[in-house]
Amino acid sequence: MEQILNDPEILSKHVRAVARPNPPEGVGACEAPRGTLFHHYKIEEQGLIRWVNLIIATGHNNLAMNRSVLQVAKHFVHGNRLTPGMHNRVEAVMRCYDPCLSCSTHALPDGPSRPAPQC
C-alpha cells in the first residue's frame, strides 16, 4: 500500500479525476421490490451533504401494513398463544408490502438462543 501511495503516477491526470458539485440540491426516485424510494439532498459548495430527506416505502405503506396485520390477526390469531401457522399468516401480509421487512425483523418466540430463520 505504501509503495503504491508513494508512486508519483498515483496522482497523474490519467489516474485521478477531480469532481466538483453540480447543482446544490437534487431530488430522485427509484423503484425497488419494496416500493419507491424518494431521496432529496442539499450540499454545500465543497460537496459535503448538509441535509437529506429519505422517504422509504415502509413509511408510505405503514398505515396499510398496520391495518392489514390487524385484520389478519383478528381472523387467524386466537387466544394468547401464537402458533407457527398464525405467525406465518401475519408474516405473509408483511411480505406483500415489504418483502425485506419480515426477514429483517424476526420474532424469536423460543428465546434469543434460537437462530433467526433464513429467507
PDB file of N, CA and C in Angstrom:
ATOM      1  N   MET A   1       0.828  -1.176   0.000  1.00  0.00           N
ATOM      2  CA  MET A   1       0.000   0.000   0.000  1.00  0.00           C
ATOM      3  C   MET A   1       0.874   1.242   0.000  1.00  0.00           C
ATOM      4  N   GLU A   2       1.913   1.254   0.879  1.00  0.00           N
ATOM      5  CA  GLU A   2       2.791   2.423   0.971  1.00  0.00           C
ATOM      6  C   GLU A   2       3.499   2.677  -0.354  1.00  0.00           C
ATOM      7  N   GLN A   3       3.946   1.619  -0.989  1.00  0.00           N
ATOM      8  CA  GLN A   3       4.641   1.749  -2.280  1.00  0.00           C
ATOM      9  C   GLN A   3       3.707   2.347  -3.345  1.00  0.00           C
ATOM     10  N   ILE A   4       2.473   1.895  -3.372  1.00  0.00           N
ATOM     11  CA  ILE A   4       1.514   2.424  -4.344  1.00  0.00           C
ATOM     12  C   ILE A   4       1.238   3.893  -4.068  1.00  0.00           C
ATOM     13  N   LEU A   5       1.029   4.258  -2.788  1.00  0.00           N
ATOM     14  CA  LEU A   5       0.730   5.647  -2.446  1.00  0.00           C
ATOM     15  C   LEU A   5       1.902   6.590  -2.696  1.00  0.00           C
ATOM     16  N   ASN A   6       3.126   6.086  -2.620  1.00  0.00           N
ATOM     17  CA  ASN A   6       4.311   6.915  -2.870  1.00  0.00           C
ATOM     18  C   ASN A   6       4.658   7.024  -4.347  1.00  0.00           C
ATOM     19  N   ASP A   7       4.026   6.282  -5.196  1.00  0.00           N
ATOM     20  CA  ASP A   7       4.280   6.342  -6.634  1.00  0.00           C
ATOM     21  C   ASP A   7       3.754   7.679  -7.169  1.00  0.00           C
ATOM     22  N   PRO A   8       4.613   8.507  -7.788  1.00  0.00           N
ATOM     23  CA  PRO A   8       4.154   9.813  -8.285  1.00  0.00           C
ATOM     24  C   PRO A   8       3.051   9.705  -9.339  1.00  0.00           C
ATOM     25  N   GLU A   9       2.943   8.604 -10.004  1.00  0.00           N
ATOM     26  CA  GLU A   9       1.912   8.429 -11.023  1.00  0.00           C
ATOM     27  C   GLU A   9       0.504   8.267 -10.428  1.00  0.00           C
ATOM     28  N   ILE A  10       0.417   8.030  -9.112  1.00  0.00           N
ATOM     29  CA  ILE A  10      -0.890   7.819  -8.491  1.00  0.00           C
ATOM     30  C   ILE A  10      -1.757   9.075  -8.574  1.00  0.00           C
ATOM     31  N   LEU A  11      -1.127  10.251  -8.658  1.00  0.00           N
ATOM     32  CA  LEU A  11      -1.871  11.495  -8.781  1.00  0.00           C
ATOM     33  C   LEU A  11      -1.886  12.017 -10.216  1.00  0.00           C
ATOM     34  N   SER A  12      -1.464  11.212 -11.126  1.00  0.00           N
ATOM     35  CA  SER A  12      -1.470  11.595 -12.539  1.00  0.00           C
ATOM     36  C   SER A  12      -2.883  11.887 -13.010  1.00  0.00           C
ATOM     37  N   LYS A  13      -3.000  12.782 -14.000  1.00  0.00           N
ATOM     38  CA  LYS A  13      -4.314  13.092 -14.562  1.00  0.00           C
ATOM     39  C   LYS A  13      -4.953  11.863 -15.203  1.00  0.00           C
ATOM     40  N   HIS A  14      -4.150  10.867 -15.523  1.00  0.00           N
ATOM     41  CA  HIS A  14      -4.675   9.642 -16.128  1.00  0.00           C
ATOM     42  C   HIS A  14      -5.275   8.695 -15.086  1.00  0.00           C
ATOM     43  N   VAL A  15      -4.969   8.930 -13.809  1.00  0.00           N
ATOM     44  CA  VAL A  15      -5.442   8.060 -12.743  1.00  0.00           C
ATOM     45  C   VAL A  15      -6.557   8.713 -11.930  1.00  0.00           C
ATOM     46  N   ARG A  16      -6.423   9.996 -11.683  1.00  0.00           N
ATOM     47  CA  ARG A  16      -7.331  10.681 -10.767  1.00  0.00           C
ATOM     48  C   ARG A  16      -8.218  11.673 -11.520  1.00  0.00           C
ATOM     49  N   ALA A  17      -9.495  11.605 -11.240  1.00  0.00           N
ATOM     50  CA  ALA A  17     -10.435  12.567 -11.788  1.00  0.00           C
ATOM     51  C   ALA A  17     -10.899  13.474 -10.657  1.00  0.00           C
ATOM     52  N   VAL A  18     -10.969  14.761 -10.937  1.00  0.00           N
ATOM     53  CA  VAL A  18     -11.417  15.715  -9.935  1.00  0.00           C
ATOM     54  C   VAL A  18     -12.887  16.031 -10.216  1.00  0.00           C
ATOM     55  N   ALA A  19     -13.717  15.782  -9.238  1.00  0.00           N
ATOM     56  CA  ALA A  19     -15.146  16.052  -9.379  1.00  0.00           C
ATOM     57  C   ALA A  19     -15.508  17.260  -8.542  1.00  0.00           C
ATOM     58  N   ARG A  20     -16.434  18.015  -9.038  1.00  0.00           N
ATOM     59  CA  ARG A  20     -16.937  19.170  -8.304  1.00  0.00           C
ATOM     60  C   ARG A  20     -18.457  19.071  -8.250  1.00  0.00           C
ATOM     61  N   PRO A  21     -19.050  19.693  -7.233  1.00  0.00           N
ATOM     62  CA  PRO A  21     -20.515  19.665  -7.148  1.00  0.00           C
ATOM     63  C   PRO A  21     -21.147  20.353  -8.356  1.00  0.00           C
ATOM     64  N   ASN A  22     -22.257  19.841  -8.765  1.00  0.00           N
ATOM     65  CA  ASN A  22     -23.053  20.472  -9.808  1.00  0.00           C
ATOM     66  C   ASN A  22     -24.114  21.321  -9.125  1.00  0.00           C
ATOM     67  N   PRO A  23     -25.397  20.995  -9.251  1.00  0.00           N
ATOM     68  CA  PRO A  23     -26.404  21.777  -8.519  1.00  0.00           C
ATOM     69  C   PRO A  23     -26.294  21.522  -7.012  1.00  0.00           C
ATOM     70  N   PRO A  24     -26.620  22.516  -6.192  1.00  0.00           N
ATOM     71  CA  PRO A  24     -26.520  22.340  -4.742  1.00  0.00           C
ATOM     72  C   PRO A  24     -27.667  21.525  -4.143  1.00  0.00           C
ATOM     73  N   GLU A  25     -28.645  21.161  -4.968  1.00  0.00           N
ATOM     74  CA  GLU A  25     -29.781  20.406  -4.464  1.00  0.00           C
ATOM     75  C   GLU A  25     -30.236  19.422  -5.530  1.00  0.00           C
ATOM     76  N   GLY A  26     -30.646  18.220  -5.078  1.00  0.00           N
ATOM     77  CA  GLY A  26     -31.122  17.217  -6.022  1.00  0.00           C
ATOM     78  C   GLY A  26     -32.181  16.331  -5.410  1.00  0.00           C
ATOM     79  N   VAL A  27     -33.107  15.891  -6.254  1.00  0.00           N
ATOM     80  CA  VAL A  27     -34.188  15.014  -5.836  1.00  0.00           C
ATOM     81  C   VAL A  27     -34.223  13.838  -6.798  1.00  0.00           C
ATOM     82  N   GLY A  28     -34.474  12.647  -6.274  1.00  0.00           N
ATOM     83  CA  GLY A  28     -34.563  11.466  -7.122  1.00  0.00           C
ATOM     84  C   GLY A  28     -35.560  10.471  -6.569  1.00  0.00           C
ATOM     85  N   ALA A  29     -35.890   9.520  -7.416  1.00  0.00           N
ATOM     86  CA  ALA A  29     -36.789   8.432  -7.018  1.00  0.00           C
ATOM     87  C   ALA A  29     -36.324   7.178  -7.723  1.00  0.00           C
ATOM     88  N   CYS A  30     -36.373   6.058  -7.013  1.00  0.00           N
ATOM     89  CA  CYS A  30     -36.035   4.779  -7.639  1.00  0.00           C
ATOM     90  C   CYS A  30     -37.008   3.717  -7.131  1.00  0.00           C
ATOM     91  N   GLU A  31     -37.324   2.802  -8.016  1.00  0.00           N
ATOM     92  CA  GLU A  31     -38.274   1.737  -7.711  1.00  0.00           C
ATOM     93  C   GLU A  31     -37.510   0.474  -7.341  1.00  0.00           C
ATOM     94  N   ALA A  32     -38.004  -0.228  -6.346  1.00  0.00           N
ATOM     95  CA  ALA A  32     -37.399  -1.475  -5.891  1.00  0.00           C
ATOM     96  C   ALA A  32     -38.522  -2.411  -5.472  1.00  0.00           C
ATOM     97  N   PRO A  33     -38.209  -3.683  -5.172  1.00  0.00           N
ATOM     98  CA  PRO A  33     -39.269  -4.616  -4.762  1.00  0.00           C
ATOM     99  C   PRO A  33     -40.089  -4.135  -3.571  1.00  0.00           C
ATOM    100  N   ARG A  34     -39.501  -3.374  -2.680  1.00  0.00           N
ATOM    101  CA  ARG A  34     -40.246  -2.906  -1.517  1.00  0.00           C
ATOM    102  C   ARG A  34     -41.108  -1.705  -1.832  1.00  0.00           C
ATOM    103  N   GLY A  35     -40.909  -1.047  -2.960  1.00  0.00           N
ATOM    104  CA  GLY A  35     -41.671   0.139  -3.318  1.00  0.00           C
ATOM    105  C   GLY A  35     -40.750   1.259  -3.742  1.00  0.00           C
ATOM    106  N   THR A  36     -41.266   2.449  -3.824  1.00  0.00           N
ATOM    107  CA  THR A  36     -40.496   3.585  -4.320  1.00  0.00           C
ATOM    108  C   THR A  36     -39.727   4.263  -3.190  1.00  0.00           C
ATOM    109  N   LEU A  37     -38.461   4.592  -3.466  1.00  0.00           N
ATOM    110  CA  LEU A  37     -37.628   5.360  -2.547  1.00  0.00           C
ATOM    111  C   LEU A  37     -37.485   6.756  -3.135  1.00  0.00           C
ATOM    112  N   PHE A  38     -37.875   7.760  -2.371  1.00  0.00           N
ATOM    113  CA  PHE A  38     -37.664   9.145  -2.758  1.00  0.00           C
ATOM    114  C   PHE A  38     -36.506   9.669  -1.937  1.00  0.00           C
ATOM    115  N   HIS A  39     -35.591  10.376  -2.575  1.00  0.00           N
ATOM    116  CA  HIS A  39     -34.469  10.943  -1.846  1.00  0.00           C
ATOM    117  C   HIS A  39     -34.219  12.367  -2.315  1.00  0.00           C
ATOM    118  N   HIS A  40     -33.854  13.232  -1.365  1.00  0.00           N
ATOM    119  CA  HIS A  40     -33.686  14.660  -1.596  1.00  0.00           C
ATOM    120  C   HIS A  40     -32.438  15.083  -0.826  1.00  0.00           C
ATOM    121  N   TYR A  41     -31.476  15.693  -1.523  1.00  0.00           N
ATOM    122  CA  TYR A  41     -30.201  16.061  -0.915  1.00  0.00           C
ATOM    123  C   TYR A  41     -29.901  17.534  -1.140  1.00  0.00           C
ATOM    124  N   LYS A  42     -29.226  18.155  -0.164  1.00  0.00           N
ATOM    125  CA  LYS A  42     -28.685  19.507  -0.293  1.00  0.00           C
ATOM    126  C   LYS A  42     -27.216  19.443   0.118  1.00  0.00           C
ATOM    127  N   ILE A  43     -26.362  20.059  -0.700  1.00  0.00           N
ATOM    128  CA  ILE A  43     -24.927  20.033  -0.413  1.00  0.00           C
ATOM    129  C   ILE A  43     -24.383  21.452  -0.299  1.00  0.00           C
ATOM    130  N   GLU A  44     -23.197  21.551   0.303  1.00  0.00           N
ATOM    131  CA  GLU A  44     -22.523  22.845   0.383  1.00  0.00           C
ATOM    132  C   GLU A  44     -21.588  22.992  -0.818  1.00  0.00           C
ATOM    133  N   GLU A  45     -20.898  24.125  -0.902  1.00  0.00           N
ATOM    134  CA  GLU A  45     -20.040  24.405  -2.065  1.00  0.00           C
ATOM    135  C   GLU A  45     -18.933  23.380  -2.250  1.00  0.00           C
ATOM    136  N   GLN A  46     -18.413  22.808  -1.160  1.00  0.00           N
ATOM    137  CA  GLN A  46     -17.348  21.814  -1.264  1.00  0.00           C
ATOM    138  C   GLN A  46     -17.883  20.409  -1.572  1.00  0.00           C
ATOM    139  N   GLY A  47     -19.188  20.270  -1.622  1.00  0.00           N
ATOM    140  CA  GLY A  47     -19.773  18.976  -1.961  1.00  0.00           C
ATOM    141  C   GLY A  47     -20.202  18.143  -0.767  1.00  0.00           C
ATOM    142  N   LEU A  48     -20.022  18.642   0.455  1.00  0.00           N
ATOM    143  CA  LEU A  48     -20.449  17.886   1.632  1.00  0.00           C
ATOM    144  C   LEU A  48     -21.966  17.958   1.764  1.00  0.00           C
ATOM    145  N   ILE A  49     -22.560  16.819   2.058  1.00  0.00           N
ATOM    146  CA  ILE A  49     -24.011  16.768   2.225  1.00  0.00           C
ATOM    147  C   ILE A  49     -24.369  17.435   3.548  1.00  0.00           C
ATOM    148  N   ARG A  50     -25.282  18.382   3.500  1.00  0.00           N
ATOM    149  CA  ARG A  50     -25.708  19.107   4.694  1.00  0.00           C
ATOM    150  C   ARG A  50     -27.138  18.785   5.104  1.00  0.00           C
ATOM    151  N   TRP A  51     -27.939  18.192   4.214  1.00  0.00           N
ATOM    152  CA  TRP A  51     -29.341  17.901   4.521  1.00  0.00           C
ATOM    153  C   TRP A  51     -29.800  16.768   3.626  1.00  0.00           C
ATOM    154  N   VAL A  52     -30.516  15.811   4.203  1.00  0.00           N
ATOM    155  CA  VAL A  52     -31.048  14.680   3.442  1.00  0.00           C
ATOM    156  C   VAL A  52     -32.449  14.374   3.941  1.00  0.00           C
ATOM    157  N   ASN A  53     -33.338  14.058   3.013  1.00  0.00           N
ATOM    158  CA  ASN A  53     -34.667  13.603   3.371  1.00  0.00           C
ATOM    159  C   ASN A  53     -34.942  12.345   2.549  1.00  0.00           C
ATOM    160  N   LEU A  54     -35.107  11.218   3.223  1.00  0.00           N
ATOM    161  CA  LEU A  54     -35.412   9.957   2.552  1.00  0.00           C
ATOM    162  C   LEU A  54     -36.829   9.541   2.925  1.00  0.00           C
ATOM    163  N   ILE A  55     -37.610   9.226   1.920  1.00  0.00           N
ATOM    164  CA  ILE A  55     -38.958   8.711   2.167  1.00  0.00           C
ATOM    165  C   ILE A  55     -38.965   7.299   1.598  1.00  0.00           C
ATOM    166  N   ILE A  56     -38.987   6.312   2.488  1.00  0.00           N
ATOM    167  CA  ILE A  56     -38.886   4.918   2.062  1.00  0.00           C
ATOM    168  C   ILE A  56     -40.266   4.276   1.976  1.00  0.00           C
ATOM    169  N   ALA A  57     -40.334   3.182   1.242  1.00  0.00           N
ATOM    170  CA  ALA A  57     -41.614   2.507   1.006  1.00  0.00           C
ATOM    171  C   ALA A  57     -42.297   2.073   2.298  1.00  0.00           C
ATOM    172  N   THR A  58     -41.537   1.665   3.274  1.00  0.00           N
ATOM    173  CA  THR A  58     -42.130   1.235   4.536  1.00  0.00           C
ATOM    174  C   THR A  58     -42.914   2.383   5.165  1.00  0.00           C
ATOM    175  N   GLY A  59     -42.408   3.590   5.045  1.00  0.00           N
ATOM    176  CA  GLY A  59     -43.125   4.754   5.552  1.00  0.00           C
ATOM    177  C   GLY A  59     -44.408   5.021   4.780  1.00  0.00           C
ATOM    178  N   HIS A  60     -44.342   4.868   3.459  1.00  0.00           N
ATOM    179  CA  HIS A  60     -45.541   5.055   2.630  1.00  0.00           C
ATOM    180  C   HIS A  60     -46.623   4.054   3.023  1.00  0.00           C
ATOM    181  N   ASN A  61     -46.210   2.825   3.265  1.00  0.00           N
ATOM    182  CA  ASN A  61     -47.150   1.721   3.456  1.00  0.00           C
ATOM    183  C   ASN A  61     -47.504   1.457   4.917  1.00  0.00           C
ATOM    184  N   ASN A  62     -47.006   2.251   5.846  1.00  0.00           N
ATOM    185  CA  ASN A  62     -47.154   1.951   7.262  1.00  0.00           C
ATOM    186  C   ASN A  62     -48.622   1.795   7.694  1.00  0.00           C
ATOM    187  N   LEU A  63     -49.471   2.724   7.333  1.00  0.00           N
ATOM    188  CA  LEU A  63     -50.874   2.635   7.739  1.00  0.00           C
ATOM    189  C   LEU A  63     -51.536   1.384   7.156  1.00  0.00           C
ATOM    190  N   ALA A  64     -51.318   1.131   5.877  1.00  0.00           N
ATOM    191  CA  ALA A  64     -51.913  -0.055   5.249  1.00  0.00           C
ATOM    192  C   ALA A  64     -51.371  -1.343   5.860  1.00  0.00           C
ATOM    193  N   MET A  65     -50.072  -1.383   6.181  1.00  0.00           N
ATOM    194  CA  MET A  65     -49.496  -2.582   6.812  1.00  0.00           C
ATOM    195  C   MET A  65     -50.128  -2.815   8.182  1.00  0.00           C
ATOM    196  N   ASN A  66     -50.256  -1.759   8.976  1.00  0.00           N
ATOM    197  CA  ASN A  66     -50.851  -1.896  10.309  1.00  0.00           C
ATOM    198  C   ASN A  66     -52.284  -2.410  10.227  1.00  0.00           C
ATOM    199  N   ARG A  67     -53.055  -1.863   9.319  1.00  0.00           N
ATOM    200  CA  ARG A  67     -54.450  -2.297   9.178  1.00  0.00           C
ATOM    201  C   ARG A  67     -54.539  -3.737   8.683  1.00  0.00           C
ATOM    202  N   SER A  68     -53.656  -4.118   7.778  1.00  0.00           N
ATOM    203  CA  SER A  68     -53.667  -5.489   7.256  1.00  0.00           C
ATOM    204  C   SER A  68     -53.279  -6.498   8.323  1.00  0.00           C
ATOM    205  N   VAL A  69     -52.270  -6.158   9.122  1.00  0.00           N
ATOM    206  CA  VAL A  69     -51.859  -7.051  10.211  1.00  0.00           C
ATOM    207  C   VAL A  69     -53.001  -7.220  11.208  1.00  0.00           C
ATOM    208  N   LEU A  70     -53.655  -6.125  11.553  1.00  0.00           N
ATOM    209  CA  LEU A  70     -54.781  -6.207  12.483  1.00  0.00           C
ATOM    210  C   LEU A  70     -55.890  -7.101  11.918  1.00  0.00           C
ATOM    211  N   GLN A  71     -56.206  -6.927  10.643  1.00  0.00           N
ATOM    212  CA  GLN A  71     -57.263  -7.730  10.016  1.00  0.00           C
ATOM    213  C   GLN A  71     -56.905  -9.213  10.006  1.00  0.00           C
ATOM    214  N   VAL A  72     -55.668  -9.544   9.638  1.00  0.00           N
ATOM    215  CA  VAL A  72     -55.244 -10.951   9.608  1.00  0.00           C
ATOM    216  C   VAL A  72     -55.183 -11.515  11.020  1.00  0.00           C
ATOM    217  N   ALA A  73     -54.683 -10.744  11.967  1.00  0.00           N
ATOM    218  CA  ALA A  73     -54.591 -11.224  13.351  1.00  0.00           C
ATOM    219  C   ALA A  73     -55.977 -11.510  13.923  1.00  0.00           C
ATOM    220  N   LYS A  74     -56.935 -10.634  13.651  1.00  0.00           N
ATOM    221  CA  LYS A  74     -58.298 -10.865  14.143  1.00  0.00           C
ATOM    222  C   LYS A  74     -58.884 -12.151  13.559  1.00  0.00           C
ATOM    223  N   HIS A  75     -58.518 -12.470  12.343  1.00  0.00           N
ATOM    224  CA  HIS A  75     -59.076 -13.653  11.676  1.00  0.00           C
ATOM    225  C   HIS A  75     -58.354 -14.949  12.068  1.00  0.00           C
ATOM    226  N   PHE A  76     -57.014 -14.900  12.211  1.00  0.00           N
ATOM    227  CA  PHE A  76     -56.246 -16.135  12.388  1.00  0.00           C
ATOM    228  C   PHE A  76     -55.683 -16.359  13.788  1.00  0.00           C
ATOM    229  N   VAL A  77     -55.476 -15.308  14.570  1.00  0.00           N
ATOM    230  CA  VAL A  77     -54.864 -15.474  15.895  1.00  0.00           C
ATOM    231  C   VAL A  77     -55.974 -15.611  16.924  1.00  0.00           C
ATOM    232  N   HIS A  78     -55.897 -16.710  17.675  1.00  0.00           N
ATOM    233  CA  HIS A  78     -56.914 -16.996  18.692  1.00  0.00           C
ATOM    234  C   HIS A  78     -56.228 -17.276  20.020  1.00  0.00           C
ATOM    235  N   GLY A  79     -56.634 -16.588  21.050  1.00  0.00           N
ATOM    236  CA  GLY A  79     -56.052 -16.801  22.369  1.00  0.00           C
ATOM    237  C   GLY A  79     -54.743 -16.047  22.535  1.00  0.00           C
ATOM    238  N   ASN A  80     -53.999 -16.445  23.549  1.00  0.00           N
ATOM    239  CA  ASN A  80     -52.738 -15.769  23.875  1.00  0.00           C
ATOM    240  C   ASN A  80     -51.519 -16.469  23.316  1.00  0.00           C
ATOM    241  N   ARG A  81     -51.701 -17.580  22.646  1.00  0.00           N
ATOM    242  CA  ARG A  81     -50.569 -18.359  22.141  1.00  0.00           C
ATOM    243  C   ARG A  81     -50.473 -18.189  20.628  1.00  0.00           C
ATOM    244  N   LEU A  82     -49.291 -17.807  20.162  1.00  0.00           N
ATOM    245  CA  LEU A  82     -49.056 -17.616  18.728  1.00  0.00           C
ATOM    246  C   LEU A  82     -48.403 -18.879  18.170  1.00  0.00           C
ATOM    247  N   THR A  83     -49.110 -19.592  17.316  1.00  0.00           N
ATOM    248  CA  THR A  83     -48.566 -20.809  16.709  1.00  0.00           C
ATOM    249  C   THR A  83     -47.776 -20.424  15.456  1.00  0.00           C
ATOM    250  N   PRO A  84     -46.918 -21.319  14.968  1.00  0.00           N
ATOM    251  CA  PRO A  84     -46.174 -21.028  13.735  1.00  0.00           C
ATOM    252  C   PRO A  84     -47.099 -20.703  12.551  1.00  0.00           C
ATOM    253  N   GLY A  85     -48.244 -21.369  12.460  1.00  0.00           N
ATOM    254  CA  GLY A  85     -49.181 -21.089  11.372  1.00  0.00           C
ATOM    255  C   GLY A  85     -49.755 -19.686  11.455  1.00  0.00           C
ATOM    256  N   MET A  86     -50.082 -19.253  12.672  1.00  0.00           N
ATOM    257  CA  MET A  86     -50.594 -17.897  12.858  1.00  0.00           C
ATOM    258  C   MET A  86     -49.517 -16.870  12.498  1.00  0.00           C
ATOM    259  N   HIS A  87     -48.322 -17.121  12.988  1.00  0.00           N
ATOM    260  CA  HIS A  87     -47.190 -16.235  12.705  1.00  0.00           C
ATOM    261  C   HIS A  87     -46.951 -16.145  11.199  1.00  0.00           C
ATOM    262  N   ASN A  88     -47.046 -17.260  10.499  1.00  0.00           N
ATOM    263  CA  ASN A  88     -46.837 -17.297   9.053  1.00  0.00           C
ATOM    264  C   ASN A  88     -47.856 -16.431   8.317  1.00  0.00           C
ATOM    265  N   ARG A  89     -49.116 -16.466   8.771  1.00  0.00           N
ATOM    266  CA  ARG A  89     -50.159 -15.653   8.123  1.00  0.00           C
ATOM    267  C   ARG A  89     -49.861 -14.165   8.255  1.00  0.00           C
ATOM    268  N   VAL A  90     -49.448 -13.751   9.440  1.00  0.00           N
ATOM    269  CA  VAL A  90     -49.127 -12.336   9.661  1.00  0.00           C
ATOM    270  C   VAL A  90     -47.887 -11.945   8.851  1.00  0.00           C
ATOM    271  N   GLU A  91     -46.884 -12.811   8.855  1.00  0.00           N
ATOM    272  CA  GLU A  91     -45.658 -12.538   8.102  1.00  0.00           C
ATOM    273  C   GLU A  91     -45.942 -12.441   6.600  1.00  0.00           C
ATOM    274  N   ALA A  92     -46.850 -13.252   6.098  1.00  0.00           N
ATOM    275  CA  ALA A  92     -47.203 -13.217   4.673  1.00  0.00           C
ATOM    276  C   ALA A  92     -47.799 -11.860   4.302  1.00  0.00           C
ATOM    277  N   VAL A  93     -48.582 -11.277   5.193  1.00  0.00           N
ATOM    278  CA  VAL A  93     -49.145  -9.948   4.940  1.00  0.00           C
ATOM    279  C   VAL A  93     -48.026  -8.914   4.825  1.00  0.00           C
ATOM    280  N   MET A  94     -47.061  -8.982   5.714  1.00  0.00           N
ATOM    281  CA  MET A  94     -45.959  -8.018   5.679  1.00  0.00           C
ATOM    282  C   MET A  94     -45.175  -8.122   4.377  1.00  0.00           C
ATOM    283  N   ARG A  95     -44.956  -9.336   3.911  1.00  0.00           N
ATOM    284  CA  ARG A  95     -44.207  -9.519   2.666  1.00  0.00           C
ATOM    285  C   ARG A  95     -44.928  -8.920   1.464  1.00  0.00           C
ATOM    286  N   CYS A  96     -46.245  -8.833   1.512  1.00  0.00           N
ATOM    287  CA  CYS A  96     -46.984  -8.207   0.408  1.00  0.00           C
ATOM    288  C   CYS A  96     -46.582  -6.743   0.250  1.00  0.00           C
ATOM    289  N   TYR A  97     -46.295  -6.092   1.357  1.00  0.00           N
ATOM    290  CA  TYR A  97     -45.931  -4.674   1.320  1.00  0.00           C
ATOM    291  C   TYR A  97     -44.430  -4.471   1.234  1.00  0.00           C
ATOM    292  N   ASP A  98     -43.686  -5.270   1.958  1.00  0.00           N
ATOM    293  CA  ASP A  98     -42.250  -5.057   2.077  1.00  0.00           C
ATOM    294  C   ASP A  98     -41.566  -6.409   2.217  1.00  0.00           C
ATOM    295  N   PRO A  99     -41.094  -6.991   1.111  1.00  0.00           N
ATOM    296  CA  PRO A  99     -40.514  -8.336   1.177  1.00  0.00           C
ATOM    297  C   PRO A  99     -39.288  -8.432   2.074  1.00  0.00           C
ATOM    298  N   CYS A 100     -38.637  -7.314   2.369  1.00  0.00           N
ATOM    299  CA  CYS A 100     -37.449  -7.342   3.220  1.00  0.00           C
ATOM    300  C   CYS A 100     -37.775  -7.250   4.708  1.00  0.00           C
ATOM    301  N   LEU A 101     -38.874  -6.605   5.039  1.00  0.00           N
ATOM    302  CA  LEU A 101     -39.157  -6.295   6.437  1.00  0.00           C
ATOM    303  C   LEU A 101     -39.356  -7.537   7.302  1.00  0.00           C
ATOM    304  N   SER A 102     -40.099  -8.515   6.823  1.00  0.00           N
ATOM    305  CA  SER A 102     -40.371  -9.676   7.676  1.00  0.00           C
ATOM    306  C   SER A 102     -39.104 -10.493   7.943  1.00  0.00           C
ATOM    307  N   CYS A 103     -38.164 -10.477   7.019  1.00  0.00           N
ATOM    308  CA  CYS A 103     -36.920 -11.213   7.247  1.00  0.00           C
ATOM    309  C   CYS A 103     -35.941 -10.434   8.121  1.00  0.00           C
ATOM    310  N   SER A 104     -36.006  -9.124   8.066  1.00  0.00           N
ATOM    311  CA  SER A 104     -35.044  -8.326   8.825  1.00  0.00           C
ATOM    312  C   SER A 104     -35.477  -8.087  10.263  1.00  0.00           C
ATOM    313  N   THR A 105     -36.696  -8.460  10.621  1.00  0.00           N
ATOM    314  CA  THR A 105     -37.206  -8.199  11.969  1.00  0.00           C
ATOM    315  C   THR A 105     -37.870  -9.431  12.549  1.00  0.00           C
ATOM    316  N   HIS A 106     -37.194 -10.546  12.532  1.00  0.00           N
ATOM    317  CA  HIS A 106     -37.765 -11.798  13.022  1.00  0.00           C
ATOM    318  C   HIS A 106     -38.105 -11.742  14.506  1.00  0.00           C
ATOM    319  N   ALA A 107     -39.234 -12.307  14.830  1.00  0.00           N
ATOM    320  CA  ALA A 107     -39.588 -12.531  16.226  1.00  0.00           C
ATOM    321  C   ALA A 107     -39.091 -13.919  16.585  1.00  0.00           C
ATOM    322  N   LEU A 108     -38.465 -14.045  17.732  1.00  0.00           N
ATOM    323  CA  LEU A 108     -37.938 -15.328  18.157  1.00  0.00           C
ATOM    324  C   LEU A 108     -38.715 -15.810  19.382  1.00  0.00           C
ATOM    325  N   PRO A 109     -39.845 -16.504  19.170  1.00  0.00           N
ATOM    326  CA  PRO A 109     -40.688 -16.899  20.300  1.00  0.00           C
ATOM    327  C   PRO A 109     -40.015 -17.880  21.256  1.00  0.00           C
ATOM    328  N   ASP A 110     -38.995 -18.597  20.804  1.00  0.00           N
ATOM    329  CA  ASP A 110     -38.347 -19.577  21.677  1.00  0.00           C
ATOM    330  C   ASP A 110     -37.149 -18.997  22.418  1.00  0.00           C
ATOM    331  N   GLY A 111     -36.929 -17.704  22.349  1.00  0.00           N
ATOM    332  CA  GLY A 111     -35.831 -17.080  23.080  1.00  0.00           C
ATOM    333  C   GLY A 111     -34.667 -16.745  22.173  1.00  0.00           C
ATOM    334  N   PRO A 112     -33.707 -15.984  22.700  1.00  0.00           N
ATOM    335  CA  PRO A 112     -32.596 -15.491  21.888  1.00  0.00           C
ATOM    336  C   PRO A 112     -31.622 -16.576  21.444  1.00  0.00           C
ATOM    337  N   SER A 113     -31.659 -17.770  22.051  1.00  0.00           N
ATOM    338  CA  SER A 113     -30.720 -18.819  21.668  1.00  0.00           C
ATOM    339  C   SER A 113     -31.092 -19.458  20.333  1.00  0.00           C
ATOM    340  N   ARG A 114     -32.316 -19.255  19.889  1.00  0.00           N
ATOM    341  CA  ARG A 114     -32.767 -19.842  18.622  1.00  0.00           C
ATOM    342  C   ARG A 114     -32.293 -18.970  17.460  1.00  0.00           C
ATOM    343  N   PRO A 115     -31.630 -19.540  16.439  1.00  0.00           N
ATOM    344  CA  PRO A 115     -31.151 -18.722  15.319  1.00  0.00           C
ATOM    345  C   PRO A 115     -32.324 -18.194  14.505  1.00  0.00           C
ATOM    346  N   ALA A 116     -32.133 -17.027  13.902  1.00  0.00           N
ATOM    347  CA  ALA A 116     -33.162 -16.424  13.046  1.00  0.00           C
ATOM    348  C   ALA A 116     -33.350 -17.279  11.802  1.00  0.00           C
ATOM    349  N   PRO A 117     -34.571 -17.453  11.336  1.00  0.00           N
ATOM    350  CA  PRO A 117     -34.816 -18.218  10.118  1.00  0.00           C
ATOM    351  C   PRO A 117     -34.150 -17.574   8.911  1.00  0.00           C
ATOM    352  N   GLN A 118     -33.731 -18.379   7.968  1.00  0.00           N
ATOM    353  CA  GLN A 118     -33.106 -17.891   6.746  1.00  0.00           C
ATOM    354  C   GLN A 118     -34.173 -17.675   5.678  1.00  0.00           C
ATOM    355  N   CYS A 119     -34.068 -16.560   4.953  1.00  0.00           N
ATOM    356  CA  CYS A 119     -35.027 -16.271   3.877  1.00  0.00           C
ATOM    357  C   CYS A 119     -34.510 -16.783   2.551  1.00  0.00           C
TER     358      CYS A 119
END
